[in-house]
């Protein structure tokens, strides 16, 4: 049996003033924009299932089933969230971190070139796909169809 323990006490999440576990700063401070669709879906899953301290423990097999992804993509998504300062992980324990001090590392935020029209369309499509996946995940976790 896994015993839950705080992985990062300095970044223990707290209920934001607007009483929502999904902190609006995720969008407004640009954190979501630095995630790909897989990392965003993993983040939503973990914020949804975590306890009040942001802790949860889920096996890779179950997470890949819920997100319809592969272990490799899950590993990359997890690494991306850790590099962005949004997640702590010590197998099998996850901790969703407070956004108060989330700062991306230099590796997590490479300089972006000026977007071309194709890039803008790709980003729009990626965003739409991410939003669709997040809606599907929310529906699956809440039991609605």
Protein backbone atom coordinates (compact mmCIF):
# COMPACT_ATOMS: atom_id res chain seq x y z
CA UNK A 1 0.00 0.00 0.00
CA UNK A 2 1.31 3.42 -0.94
CA UNK A 3 1.64 5.90 1.89
CA UNK A 4 1.07 9.47 0.76
CA UNK A 5 3.57 12.09 1.87
CA UNK A 6 4.13 15.68 0.85
CA UNK A 7 6.85 15.87 -1.81
CA UNK A 8 7.25 19.64 -1.83
CA UNK A 9 5.96 21.37 1.32
CA UNK A 10 6.98 24.83 0.11
CA UNK A 11 4.60 24.54 -2.83
CA UNK A 12 1.57 22.98 -1.12
CA UNK A 13 -1.50 24.05 -3.08
CA UNK A 14 -4.31 25.91 -1.42
CA UNK A 15 -7.85 26.60 -2.54
CA UNK A 16 -7.76 29.88 -4.52
CA UNK A 17 -10.07 32.72 -3.46
CA UNK A 18 -12.54 31.90 -6.25
CA UNK A 19 -12.84 28.33 -4.85
CA UNK A 20 -11.75 26.36 -7.85
CA UNK A 21 -9.08 23.68 -7.85
CA UNK A 22 -8.21 24.61 -11.39
CA UNK A 23 -6.58 27.94 -10.71
CA UNK A 24 -7.38 30.55 -13.40
CA UNK A 25 -3.72 31.59 -13.29
CA UNK A 26 -3.07 28.37 -15.20
CA UNK A 27 -4.46 30.22 -18.22
CA UNK A 28 -3.93 33.87 -17.37
CA UNK A 29 -0.28 33.49 -16.31
CA UNK A 30 0.50 31.50 -19.45
CA UNK A 31 1.19 28.10 -17.84
CA UNK A 32 -1.30 26.28 -20.07
CA UNK A 33 0.19 27.90 -23.16
CA UNK A 34 3.54 26.28 -22.38
CA UNK A 35 2.01 22.79 -22.23
CA UNK A 36 1.17 20.52 -25.11
CA UNK A 37 -2.19 18.74 -25.18
CA UNK A 38 -0.82 15.64 -23.40
CA UNK A 39 0.69 17.65 -20.54
CA UNK A 40 -2.49 19.73 -20.22
CA UNK A 41 -4.65 16.60 -20.09
CA UNK A 42 -2.38 15.02 -17.47
CA UNK A 43 -2.48 18.22 -15.41
CA UNK A 44 -6.29 18.30 -15.53
CA UNK A 45 -6.50 14.64 -14.53
CA UNK A 46 -4.14 15.16 -11.60
CA UNK A 47 -5.85 18.33 -10.35
CA UNK A 48 -9.19 16.52 -10.56
CA UNK A 49 -8.18 13.41 -8.63
CA UNK A 50 -5.75 14.97 -6.13
CA UNK A 51 -6.57 15.44 -2.48
CA UNK A 52 -6.57 18.85 -0.78
CA UNK A 53 -2.76 18.85 -0.68
CA UNK A 54 -2.45 18.09 -4.37
CA UNK A 55 -1.42 14.48 -3.78
CA UNK A 56 -2.49 11.41 -5.68
CA UNK A 57 -1.00 8.12 -6.73
CA UNK A 58 -2.01 6.61 -10.01
CA UNK A 59 -0.27 3.90 -11.95
CA UNK A 60 0.96 4.59 -15.46
CA UNK A 61 -1.34 1.93 -16.89
CA UNK A 62 -4.49 3.57 -15.51
CA UNK A 63 -3.38 7.08 -16.50
CA UNK A 64 -2.59 5.98 -20.06
CA UNK A 65 -6.02 4.32 -20.27
CA UNK A 66 -7.84 7.42 -19.03
CA UNK A 67 -5.93 9.76 -21.33
CA UNK A 68 -5.86 7.41 -24.33
CA UNK A 69 -2.12 7.84 -24.63
CA UNK A 70 1.08 5.82 -24.51
CA UNK A 71 3.55 5.38 -21.67
CA UNK A 72 6.13 7.32 -23.68
CA UNK A 73 3.79 10.29 -24.13
CA UNK A 74 2.81 10.09 -20.47
CA UNK A 75 6.47 10.17 -19.47
CA UNK A 76 7.09 13.19 -21.68
CA UNK A 77 4.00 14.99 -20.37
CA UNK A 78 5.05 14.31 -16.79
CA UNK A 79 8.59 15.56 -17.45
CA UNK A 80 7.23 18.69 -19.14
CA UNK A 81 4.99 19.50 -16.16
CA UNK A 82 7.89 18.97 -13.78
CA UNK A 83 10.17 21.20 -15.88
CA UNK A 84 7.48 23.90 -15.84
CA UNK A 85 7.29 23.72 -12.05
CA UNK A 86 3.69 22.49 -12.05
CA UNK A 87 4.22 18.96 -10.75
CA UNK A 88 6.40 16.93 -8.40
CA UNK A 89 6.63 13.19 -8.98
CA UNK A 90 8.21 10.27 -7.17
CA UNK A 91 6.76 7.04 -8.47
CA UNK A 92 3.91 6.41 -7.82
CA UNK A 93 3.21 9.68 -5.99
CA UNK A 94 2.17 12.86 -7.79
CA UNK A 95 1.88 16.31 -6.23
CA UNK A 96 0.21 19.13 -8.14
CA UNK A 97 2.18 22.19 -7.07
CA UNK A 98 0.97 25.65 -6.21
CA UNK A 99 1.18 28.11 -9.09
CA UNK A 100 2.62 30.76 -6.78
CA UNK A 101 6.22 29.99 -7.66
CA UNK A 102 5.86 28.05 -10.90
CA UNK A 103 8.64 29.16 -13.17
CA UNK A 104 9.66 27.32 -16.30
CA UNK A 105 13.25 26.23 -16.65
CA UNK A 106 15.31 27.44 -19.58
CA UNK A 107 14.95 24.00 -21.19
CA UNK A 108 11.18 24.06 -20.78
CA UNK A 109 10.75 27.36 -22.58
CA UNK A 110 13.00 27.55 -25.62
CA UNK A 111 12.92 30.85 -27.47
CA UNK A 112 10.11 30.80 -29.97
CA UNK A 113 10.61 32.07 -33.51
CA UNK A 114 8.19 34.52 -35.05
CA UNK A 115 5.06 32.54 -35.82
CA UNK A 116 4.23 31.90 -39.43
CA UNK A 117 0.62 31.65 -40.59
CA UNK A 118 1.03 27.84 -40.60
CA UNK A 119 2.25 27.93 -36.99
CA UNK A 120 -0.70 30.05 -35.92
CA UNK A 121 -3.10 27.56 -37.52
CA UNK A 122 -1.22 24.66 -35.89
CA UNK A 123 -1.38 26.34 -32.46
CA UNK A 124 -5.08 27.02 -32.92
CA UNK A 125 -5.66 23.38 -33.88
CA UNK A 126 -3.51 22.17 -30.96
CA UNK A 127 -5.49 24.40 -28.58
CA UNK A 128 -8.81 23.14 -29.95
CA UNK A 129 -7.65 19.53 -29.63
CA UNK A 130 -6.46 20.15 -26.09
CA UNK A 131 -9.77 21.73 -25.14
CA UNK A 132 -11.68 18.82 -26.68
CA UNK A 133 -9.50 16.28 -24.82
CA UNK A 134 -9.95 18.19 -21.56
CA UNK A 135 -13.73 18.21 -22.04
CA UNK A 136 -13.70 14.47 -22.77
CA UNK A 137 -11.58 13.79 -19.70
CA UNK A 138 -13.83 15.95 -17.50
CA UNK A 139 -16.89 14.07 -18.77
CA UNK A 140 -15.25 10.70 -18.20
CA UNK A 141 -14.12 11.62 -14.66
CA UNK A 142 -17.53 13.00 -13.70
CA UNK A 143 -19.35 10.03 -15.22
CA UNK A 144 -21.35 12.10 -17.71
CA UNK A 145 -21.38 11.24 -21.37
